[in-house]
Amino acid sequence: MRRSRRSESGQLGGIEAVVFGMLILVVGVLVVSNAWGVIDAKTAAREAAREGARTYATAPVSDASQAAALAASAAAATLGEMGYSPASGGNQLAEGTFQRCDVITWEVAVRVPAFRLPWLESRYSFFTASAFESERVDPYRSGVPGDPAYGGQATCTGGDIVPATP
């Protein structure tokens, strides 16, 4: 019985395909991870903006600066629970005033890390995700500037206070 010897010819040009295939796989995972990071950061910014606007509009204070401080801390706490922190200048009142029936808009911006993996955190950021949320300052609360002279019986239409019809 005769054994045939296997030749190694043809193996020289194929082993690098495994290395380059693994490199492409790693780069592809990082690209998909970055795309998911943008979606995750945008969702976190939207939730924080919603919480900040809601807190500002219903703040149990009568001063605009106190309402803004409460809203900023509520938005920052929401971002903190989701693993983010606000970008510089990205957790603030965008427009509106703390006055009965006024529509305010709260802005939150979040830095999107280059990649976000459970065991490795990126220090680099190429994008910023931002979100805006609007709320109407509570028209039936006491202590808010712009109290109507109608004993609290009023409704808001287009930012103006309209007395309720008897």
N, C-alpha and C. Protein backbone atom coordinates (compact mmCIF):
# COMPACT_ATOMS: atom_id res chain seq x y z
N MET A 1 0.82 -1.15 0.00
CA MET A 1 0.00 0.00 0.00
C MET A 1 0.89 1.24 0.00
N ARG A 2 0.51 2.11 -0.82
CA ARG A 2 1.35 3.27 -1.03
C ARG A 2 0.62 4.54 -0.58
N ARG A 3 1.26 5.33 0.22
CA ARG A 3 0.67 6.59 0.68
C ARG A 3 1.05 7.72 -0.25
N SER A 4 0.06 8.57 -0.50
CA SER A 4 0.37 9.71 -1.35
C SER A 4 0.75 10.89 -0.46
N ARG A 5 1.72 11.62 -0.86
CA ARG A 5 2.15 12.78 -0.10
C ARG A 5 1.39 13.99 -0.59
N ARG A 6 0.92 14.74 0.35
CA ARG A 6 0.21 15.96 -0.01
C ARG A 6 1.19 17.08 -0.26
N SER A 7 0.89 17.81 -1.26
CA SER A 7 1.74 18.93 -1.61
C SER A 7 1.18 20.20 -0.98
N GLU A 8 2.03 21.12 -0.64
CA GLU A 8 1.60 22.39 -0.08
C GLU A 8 1.57 23.49 -1.13
N SER A 9 1.60 23.17 -2.33
CA SER A 9 1.55 24.18 -3.37
C SER A 9 0.17 24.83 -3.40
N GLY A 10 0.15 26.12 -3.60
CA GLY A 10 -1.11 26.87 -3.63
C GLY A 10 -1.49 27.49 -2.30
N GLN A 11 -0.82 27.16 -1.23
CA GLN A 11 -1.13 27.71 0.08
C GLN A 11 -0.50 29.08 0.32
N LEU A 12 0.43 29.42 -0.48
CA LEU A 12 1.13 30.68 -0.28
C LEU A 12 0.23 31.89 -0.46
N GLY A 13 -0.72 31.84 -1.38
CA GLY A 13 -1.53 33.02 -1.69
C GLY A 13 -2.88 33.05 -1.02
N GLY A 14 -3.18 32.28 0.00
CA GLY A 14 -4.53 32.27 0.55
C GLY A 14 -4.64 32.60 2.02
N ILE A 15 -3.57 32.57 2.76
CA ILE A 15 -3.66 32.75 4.20
C ILE A 15 -3.93 34.21 4.58
N GLU A 16 -3.52 35.17 3.76
CA GLU A 16 -3.77 36.58 4.10
C GLU A 16 -5.24 36.94 3.96
N ALA A 17 -6.01 36.16 3.26
CA ALA A 17 -7.44 36.43 3.13
C ALA A 17 -8.14 36.32 4.49
N VAL A 18 -7.68 35.43 5.33
CA VAL A 18 -8.25 35.30 6.67
C VAL A 18 -7.94 36.56 7.49
N VAL A 19 -6.73 37.06 7.40
CA VAL A 19 -6.34 38.25 8.16
C VAL A 19 -7.14 39.47 7.68
N PHE A 20 -7.22 39.67 6.38
CA PHE A 20 -7.97 40.82 5.87
C PHE A 20 -9.46 40.66 6.11
N GLY A 21 -9.96 39.44 6.07
CA GLY A 21 -11.37 39.20 6.39
C GLY A 21 -11.69 39.58 7.82
N MET A 22 -10.82 39.24 8.75
CA MET A 22 -11.01 39.61 10.15
C MET A 22 -10.91 41.13 10.33
N LEU A 23 -10.01 41.76 9.61
CA LEU A 23 -9.88 43.21 9.68
C LEU A 23 -11.15 43.89 9.20
N ILE A 24 -11.70 43.41 8.10
CA ILE A 24 -12.95 43.97 7.57
C ILE A 24 -14.09 43.73 8.55
N LEU A 25 -14.12 42.58 9.20
CA LEU A 25 -15.16 42.29 10.18
C LEU A 25 -15.08 43.24 11.36
N VAL A 26 -13.88 43.49 11.87
CA VAL A 26 -13.71 44.39 13.02
C VAL A 26 -14.12 45.81 12.65
N VAL A 27 -13.69 46.30 11.50
CA VAL A 27 -14.06 47.64 11.06
C VAL A 27 -15.57 47.74 10.85
N GLY A 28 -16.17 46.71 10.29
CA GLY A 28 -17.63 46.70 10.09
C GLY A 28 -18.38 46.75 11.41
N VAL A 29 -17.90 46.03 12.41
CA VAL A 29 -18.54 46.06 13.73
C VAL A 29 -18.43 47.46 14.34
N LEU A 30 -17.29 48.10 14.18
CA LEU A 30 -17.13 49.47 14.71
C LEU A 30 -18.04 50.46 14.00
N VAL A 31 -18.23 50.32 12.70
CA VAL A 31 -19.11 51.22 11.95
C VAL A 31 -20.56 51.03 12.40
N VAL A 32 -20.99 49.79 12.54
CA VAL A 32 -22.36 49.52 13.00
C VAL A 32 -22.53 50.00 14.44
N SER A 33 -21.52 49.82 15.26
CA SER A 33 -21.58 50.29 16.64
C SER A 33 -21.72 51.81 16.69
N ASN A 34 -21.01 52.53 15.83
CA ASN A 34 -21.11 53.98 15.78
C ASN A 34 -22.50 54.41 15.32
N ALA A 35 -23.06 53.72 14.34
CA ALA A 35 -24.41 54.06 13.88
C ALA A 35 -25.43 53.85 14.99
N TRP A 36 -25.28 52.79 15.75
CA TRP A 36 -26.20 52.55 16.86
C TRP A 36 -25.96 53.59 17.96
N GLY A 37 -24.71 54.03 18.15
CA GLY A 37 -24.42 55.06 19.14
C GLY A 37 -25.10 56.38 18.82
N VAL A 38 -25.20 56.73 17.54
CA VAL A 38 -25.89 57.95 17.14
C VAL A 38 -27.38 57.84 17.48
N ILE A 39 -27.98 56.70 17.20
CA ILE A 39 -29.40 56.50 17.50
C ILE A 39 -29.62 56.53 19.01
N ASP A 40 -28.74 55.90 19.76
CA ASP A 40 -28.86 55.86 21.21
C ASP A 40 -28.70 57.25 21.82
N ALA A 41 -27.75 58.03 21.33
CA ALA A 41 -27.53 59.38 21.84
C ALA A 41 -28.70 60.29 21.51
N LYS A 42 -29.26 60.15 20.31
CA LYS A 42 -30.42 60.97 19.92
C LYS A 42 -31.62 60.64 20.80
N THR A 43 -31.83 59.37 21.11
CA THR A 43 -32.92 58.97 22.00
C THR A 43 -32.71 59.54 23.39
N ALA A 44 -31.48 59.47 23.90
CA ALA A 44 -31.19 60.01 25.22
C ALA A 44 -31.40 61.53 25.25
N ALA A 45 -30.98 62.22 24.20
CA ALA A 45 -31.18 63.68 24.15
C ALA A 45 -32.66 64.02 24.10
N ARG A 46 -33.45 63.25 23.35
CA ARG A 46 -34.88 63.51 23.25
C ARG A 46 -35.57 63.30 24.60
N GLU A 47 -35.22 62.23 25.31
CA GLU A 47 -35.82 61.97 26.62
C GLU A 47 -35.43 63.06 27.62
N ALA A 48 -34.18 63.48 27.60
CA ALA A 48 -33.73 64.52 28.52
C ALA A 48 -34.39 65.86 28.20
N ALA A 49 -34.55 66.18 26.93
CA ALA A 49 -35.22 67.43 26.55
C ALA A 49 -36.68 67.41 26.99
N ARG A 50 -37.33 66.28 26.84
CA ARG A 50 -38.72 66.16 27.28
C ARG A 50 -38.84 66.36 28.79
N GLU A 51 -37.92 65.75 29.53
CA GLU A 51 -37.95 65.88 30.99
C GLU A 51 -37.63 67.32 31.42
N GLY A 52 -36.65 67.94 30.75
CA GLY A 52 -36.31 69.32 31.08
C GLY A 52 -37.45 70.29 30.79
N ALA A 53 -38.10 70.14 29.65
CA ALA A 53 -39.22 71.03 29.30
C ALA A 53 -40.39 70.83 30.25
N ARG A 54 -40.68 69.58 30.57
CA ARG A 54 -41.79 69.30 31.48
C ARG A 54 -41.52 69.85 32.88
N THR A 55 -40.30 69.70 33.34
CA THR A 55 -39.93 70.22 34.66
C THR A 55 -39.99 71.74 34.67
N TYR A 56 -39.53 72.38 33.61
CA TYR A 56 -39.56 73.85 33.55
C TYR A 56 -41.00 74.35 33.54
N ALA A 57 -41.86 73.71 32.76
CA ALA A 57 -43.23 74.19 32.61
C ALA A 57 -44.06 73.97 33.88
N THR A 58 -43.71 72.99 34.67
CA THR A 58 -44.50 72.70 35.88
C THR A 58 -43.70 72.91 37.15
N ALA A 59 -42.63 73.69 37.08
CA ALA A 59 -41.77 73.90 38.25
C ALA A 59 -42.55 74.53 39.39
N PRO A 60 -42.38 74.04 40.62
CA PRO A 60 -43.11 74.58 41.77
C PRO A 60 -42.45 75.82 42.36
N VAL A 61 -41.98 76.70 41.52
CA VAL A 61 -41.32 77.94 41.94
C VAL A 61 -41.96 79.11 41.19
N SER A 62 -41.62 80.32 41.61
CA SER A 62 -42.17 81.49 40.91
C SER A 62 -41.09 82.31 40.22
N ASP A 63 -39.88 81.80 40.17
CA ASP A 63 -38.76 82.52 39.57
C ASP A 63 -38.24 81.72 38.36
N ALA A 64 -37.96 82.41 37.28
CA ALA A 64 -37.50 81.75 36.05
C ALA A 64 -36.15 81.08 36.22
N SER A 65 -35.23 81.69 36.97
CA SER A 65 -33.91 81.10 37.14
C SER A 65 -33.98 79.82 37.97
N GLN A 66 -34.86 79.79 38.96
CA GLN A 66 -35.04 78.56 39.74
C GLN A 66 -35.66 77.46 38.89
N ALA A 67 -36.62 77.82 38.04
CA ALA A 67 -37.24 76.84 37.15
C ALA A 67 -36.21 76.29 36.17
N ALA A 68 -35.34 77.15 35.65
CA ALA A 68 -34.31 76.71 34.72
C ALA A 68 -33.31 75.79 35.41
N ALA A 69 -32.96 76.10 36.65
CA ALA A 69 -32.03 75.24 37.39
C ALA A 69 -32.65 73.86 37.66
N LEU A 70 -33.92 73.84 38.03
CA LEU A 70 -34.60 72.56 38.24
C LEU A 70 -34.66 71.75 36.95
N ALA A 71 -34.98 72.42 35.85
CA ALA A 71 -35.09 71.73 34.56
C ALA A 71 -33.73 71.21 34.10
N ALA A 72 -32.69 71.99 34.29
CA ALA A 72 -31.35 71.56 33.88
C ALA A 72 -30.90 70.35 34.69
N SER A 73 -31.19 70.34 35.99
CA SER A 73 -30.79 69.19 36.80
C SER A 73 -31.63 67.96 36.45
N ALA A 74 -32.91 68.14 36.12
CA ALA A 74 -33.75 67.01 35.72
C ALA A 74 -33.26 66.41 34.40
N ALA A 75 -32.92 67.27 33.45
CA ALA A 75 -32.41 66.77 32.16
C ALA A 75 -31.06 66.09 32.33
N ALA A 76 -30.19 66.66 33.17
CA ALA A 76 -28.87 66.05 33.40
C ALA A 76 -29.02 64.70 34.12
N ALA A 77 -29.97 64.60 35.04
CA ALA A 77 -30.21 63.33 35.73
C ALA A 77 -30.72 62.27 34.75
N THR A 78 -31.59 62.67 33.83
CA THR A 78 -32.10 61.73 32.83
C THR A 78 -30.96 61.24 31.94
N LEU A 79 -30.09 62.15 31.52
CA LEU A 79 -28.93 61.75 30.71
C LEU A 79 -28.00 60.85 31.50
N GLY A 80 -27.81 61.16 32.78
CA GLY A 80 -26.94 60.35 33.62
C GLY A 80 -27.45 58.92 33.77
N GLU A 81 -28.76 58.76 33.86
CA GLU A 81 -29.33 57.43 33.96
C GLU A 81 -29.11 56.62 32.68
N MET A 82 -28.97 57.32 31.56
CA MET A 82 -28.76 56.65 30.28
C MET A 82 -27.28 56.54 29.91
N GLY A 83 -26.40 57.02 30.79
CA GLY A 83 -24.96 56.89 30.56
C GLY A 83 -24.34 58.01 29.76
N TYR A 84 -24.99 59.16 29.67
CA TYR A 84 -24.47 60.29 28.91
C TYR A 84 -24.35 61.50 29.81
N SER A 85 -23.66 62.50 29.32
CA SER A 85 -23.61 63.81 29.98
C SER A 85 -23.86 64.86 28.91
N PRO A 86 -24.47 65.99 29.29
CA PRO A 86 -24.76 67.00 28.27
C PRO A 86 -23.49 67.63 27.72
N ALA A 87 -23.54 67.98 26.44
CA ALA A 87 -22.42 68.70 25.82
C ALA A 87 -22.41 70.12 26.38
N SER A 88 -21.28 70.78 26.26
CA SER A 88 -21.18 72.14 26.81
C SER A 88 -22.20 73.06 26.13
N GLY A 89 -22.98 73.73 26.93
CA GLY A 89 -24.01 74.63 26.42
C GLY A 89 -25.20 73.91 25.81
N GLY A 90 -25.36 72.65 26.10
CA GLY A 90 -26.42 71.88 25.46
C GLY A 90 -27.52 71.43 26.39
N ASN A 91 -27.74 72.12 27.50
CA ASN A 91 -28.82 71.80 28.42
C ASN A 91 -29.39 73.11 28.92
N GLN A 92 -30.26 73.71 28.10
CA GLN A 92 -30.69 75.07 28.41
C GLN A 92 -32.05 75.39 27.79
N LEU A 93 -32.61 76.49 28.22
CA LEU A 93 -33.85 77.00 27.65
C LEU A 93 -33.52 77.63 26.30
N ALA A 94 -34.13 77.12 25.24
CA ALA A 94 -33.84 77.63 23.91
C ALA A 94 -34.67 78.86 23.59
N GLU A 95 -35.96 78.83 23.95
CA GLU A 95 -36.81 80.00 23.73
C GLU A 95 -38.01 79.95 24.66
N GLY A 96 -38.61 81.12 24.85
CA GLY A 96 -39.78 81.23 25.73
C GLY A 96 -39.40 81.84 27.07
N THR A 97 -40.41 82.20 27.82
CA THR A 97 -40.21 82.77 29.15
C THR A 97 -41.09 82.05 30.16
N PHE A 98 -40.74 82.19 31.43
CA PHE A 98 -41.49 81.57 32.50
C PHE A 98 -42.69 82.46 32.85
N GLN A 99 -43.69 82.36 32.01
CA GLN A 99 -44.90 83.17 32.17
C GLN A 99 -46.10 82.28 31.80
N ARG A 100 -47.19 82.48 32.49
CA ARG A 100 -48.39 81.69 32.27
C ARG A 100 -48.74 81.64 30.77
N CYS A 101 -49.01 80.46 30.27
CA CYS A 101 -49.43 80.17 28.90
C CYS A 101 -48.34 80.32 27.84
N ASP A 102 -47.14 80.69 28.24
CA ASP A 102 -46.07 80.84 27.24
C ASP A 102 -45.55 79.45 26.87
N VAL A 103 -45.24 79.28 25.59
CA VAL A 103 -44.66 78.02 25.13
C VAL A 103 -43.14 78.14 25.21
N ILE A 104 -42.53 77.21 25.94
CA ILE A 104 -41.07 77.21 26.09
C ILE A 104 -40.50 76.04 25.30
N THR A 105 -39.25 76.16 24.92
CA THR A 105 -38.55 75.08 24.22
C THR A 105 -37.25 74.81 24.95
N TRP A 106 -37.05 73.57 25.34
CA TRP A 106 -35.84 73.17 26.05
C TRP A 106 -34.93 72.41 25.09
N GLU A 107 -33.64 72.70 25.13
CA GLU A 107 -32.67 72.08 24.23
C GLU A 107 -31.68 71.24 25.03
N VAL A 108 -31.39 70.05 24.51
CA VAL A 108 -30.36 69.18 25.09
C VAL A 108 -29.47 68.68 23.96
N ALA A 109 -28.17 68.78 24.14
CA ALA A 109 -27.20 68.28 23.18
C ALA A 109 -26.29 67.27 23.88
N VAL A 110 -25.95 66.20 23.16
CA VAL A 110 -25.15 65.11 23.71
C VAL A 110 -24.03 64.79 22.72
N ARG A 111 -22.82 64.63 23.24
CA ARG A 111 -21.71 64.19 22.39
C ARG A 111 -21.89 62.71 22.09
N VAL A 112 -21.70 62.34 20.83
CA VAL A 112 -21.79 60.93 20.42
C VAL A 112 -20.37 60.37 20.38
N PRO A 113 -20.08 59.36 21.21
CA PRO A 113 -18.73 58.80 21.20
C PRO A 113 -18.44 58.09 19.88
N ALA A 114 -17.16 58.04 19.51
CA ALA A 114 -16.76 57.39 18.25
C ALA A 114 -17.20 55.94 18.24
N PHE A 115 -17.06 55.27 19.35
CA PHE A 115 -17.60 53.91 19.51
C PHE A 115 -17.91 53.71 20.98
N ARG A 116 -18.85 52.83 21.23
CA ARG A 116 -19.29 52.59 22.60
C ARG A 116 -19.47 51.09 22.79
N LEU A 117 -18.52 50.52 23.48
CA LEU A 117 -18.57 49.09 23.77
C LEU A 117 -18.56 48.93 25.30
N PRO A 118 -19.15 47.85 25.82
CA PRO A 118 -19.24 47.70 27.27
C PRO A 118 -17.89 47.70 27.98
N TRP A 119 -16.86 47.16 27.37
CA TRP A 119 -15.58 47.05 28.02
C TRP A 119 -14.58 48.12 27.60
N LEU A 120 -14.98 48.98 26.66
CA LEU A 120 -14.07 49.99 26.13
C LEU A 120 -14.84 51.26 25.84
N GLU A 121 -14.35 52.38 26.35
CA GLU A 121 -15.04 53.65 26.14
C GLU A 121 -14.18 54.57 25.30
N SER A 122 -14.80 55.23 24.34
CA SER A 122 -14.08 56.14 23.46
C SER A 122 -14.02 57.54 24.07
N ARG A 123 -12.88 58.17 23.93
CA ARG A 123 -12.75 59.56 24.38
C ARG A 123 -12.99 60.54 23.24
N TYR A 124 -13.12 60.02 22.04
CA TYR A 124 -13.27 60.86 20.87
C TYR A 124 -14.73 60.95 20.46
N SER A 125 -15.10 62.10 19.92
CA SER A 125 -16.47 62.31 19.48
C SER A 125 -16.44 63.07 18.16
N PHE A 126 -17.22 62.58 17.20
CA PHE A 126 -17.27 63.23 15.90
C PHE A 126 -18.60 63.91 15.65
N PHE A 127 -19.64 63.54 16.40
CA PHE A 127 -20.99 64.06 16.19
C PHE A 127 -21.56 64.57 17.50
N THR A 128 -22.56 65.42 17.37
CA THR A 128 -23.34 65.86 18.51
C THR A 128 -24.80 65.65 18.17
N ALA A 129 -25.50 64.92 19.02
CA ALA A 129 -26.94 64.71 18.84
C ALA A 129 -27.67 65.73 19.70
N SER A 130 -28.65 66.41 19.12
CA SER A 130 -29.40 67.40 19.89
C SER A 130 -30.89 67.17 19.69
N ALA A 131 -31.65 67.62 20.68
CA ALA A 131 -33.10 67.47 20.63
C ALA A 131 -33.73 68.68 21.28
N PHE A 132 -34.91 69.03 20.81
CA PHE A 132 -35.68 70.14 21.34
C PHE A 132 -37.06 69.62 21.73
N GLU A 133 -37.59 70.13 22.83
CA GLU A 133 -38.93 69.75 23.25
C GLU A 133 -39.64 71.01 23.74
N SER A 134 -40.91 71.16 23.35
CA SER A 134 -41.70 72.32 23.74
C SER A 134 -42.82 71.93 24.69
N GLU A 135 -43.10 72.81 25.62
CA GLU A 135 -44.19 72.64 26.58
C GLU A 135 -44.81 74.01 26.84
N ARG A 136 -46.07 74.00 27.23
CA ARG A 136 -46.74 75.23 27.61
C ARG A 136 -46.70 75.35 29.13
N VAL A 137 -46.30 76.54 29.61
CA VAL A 137 -46.26 76.78 31.04
C VAL A 137 -47.69 76.66 31.57
N ASP A 138 -47.83 75.96 32.67
CA ASP A 138 -49.13 75.61 33.24
C ASP A 138 -50.02 76.85 33.43
N PRO A 139 -51.19 76.90 32.78
CA PRO A 139 -52.05 78.08 32.88
C PRO A 139 -52.89 78.14 34.15
N TYR A 140 -53.00 77.05 34.89
CA TYR A 140 -53.90 77.02 36.05
C TYR A 140 -53.17 77.03 37.38
N ARG A 141 -51.88 77.25 37.37
CA ARG A 141 -51.09 77.26 38.60
C ARG A 141 -51.04 78.64 39.21
N SER A 142 -50.93 78.71 40.50
CA SER A 142 -50.73 80.00 41.14
C SER A 142 -49.24 80.25 41.30
N GLY A 143 -48.87 81.50 41.41
CA GLY A 143 -47.48 81.86 41.62
C GLY A 143 -46.68 82.04 40.36
N VAL A 144 -47.29 81.87 39.21
CA VAL A 144 -46.58 82.06 37.94
C VAL A 144 -46.86 83.47 37.46
N PRO A 145 -45.85 84.18 36.96
CA PRO A 145 -46.11 85.52 36.43
C PRO A 145 -47.18 85.49 35.35
N GLY A 146 -48.00 86.52 35.32
CA GLY A 146 -49.07 86.61 34.33
C GLY A 146 -50.38 86.05 34.86
N ASP A 147 -50.56 86.08 36.20
CA ASP A 147 -51.81 85.59 36.77
C ASP A 147 -52.99 86.36 36.19
N PRO A 148 -54.01 85.66 35.73
CA PRO A 148 -55.18 86.36 35.22
C PRO A 148 -56.02 86.92 36.36
N ALA A 149 -56.75 87.93 36.08
CA ALA A 149 -57.62 88.56 37.09
C ALA A 149 -58.98 87.90 37.12
N TYR A 150 -59.06 86.68 36.65
CA TYR A 150 -60.35 86.00 36.56
C TYR A 150 -60.45 84.84 37.54
N GLY A 151 -59.71 84.91 38.62
CA GLY A 151 -59.80 83.87 39.63
C GLY A 151 -59.27 82.52 39.16
N GLY A 152 -58.34 82.52 38.22
CA GLY A 152 -57.76 81.28 37.73
C GLY A 152 -58.60 80.61 36.66
N GLN A 153 -59.74 81.18 36.30
CA GLN A 153 -60.58 80.58 35.27
C GLN A 153 -60.18 81.15 33.91
N ALA A 154 -59.22 80.55 33.29
CA ALA A 154 -58.74 81.05 32.00
C ALA A 154 -58.19 79.88 31.19
N THR A 155 -58.11 80.08 29.91
CA THR A 155 -57.51 79.09 29.03
C THR A 155 -56.48 79.78 28.16
N CYS A 156 -55.58 79.02 27.61
CA CYS A 156 -54.54 79.56 26.75
C CYS A 156 -54.90 79.31 25.30
N THR A 157 -54.81 80.33 24.48
CA THR A 157 -54.98 80.17 23.03
C THR A 157 -53.89 80.98 22.37
N GLY A 158 -52.97 80.29 21.74
CA GLY A 158 -51.91 80.97 21.00
C GLY A 158 -51.03 81.83 21.85
N GLY A 159 -50.85 81.51 23.12
CA GLY A 159 -49.99 82.27 24.00
C GLY A 159 -50.72 83.38 24.73
N ASP A 160 -51.99 83.66 24.42
CA ASP A 160 -52.74 84.69 25.11
C ASP A 160 -53.66 84.04 26.14
N ILE A 161 -53.96 84.78 27.18
CA ILE A 161 -54.88 84.30 28.21
C ILE A 161 -56.28 84.77 27.84
N VAL A 162 -57.17 83.84 27.75
CA VAL A 162 -58.56 84.16 27.40
C VAL A 162 -59.44 83.74 28.58
N PRO A 163 -60.27 84.66 29.11
CA PRO A 163 -61.11 84.29 30.24
C PRO A 163 -62.14 83.25 29.82
N ALA A 164 -62.45 82.36 30.75
CA ALA A 164 -63.46 81.33 30.49
C ALA A 164 -64.85 81.98 30.42
N THR A 165 -65.66 81.51 29.52
CA THR A 165 -67.02 82.06 29.40
C THR A 165 -67.90 81.39 30.45
N PRO A 166 -68.78 82.19 31.11
CA PRO A 166 -69.63 81.61 32.16
C PRO A 166 -70.71 80.72 31.60
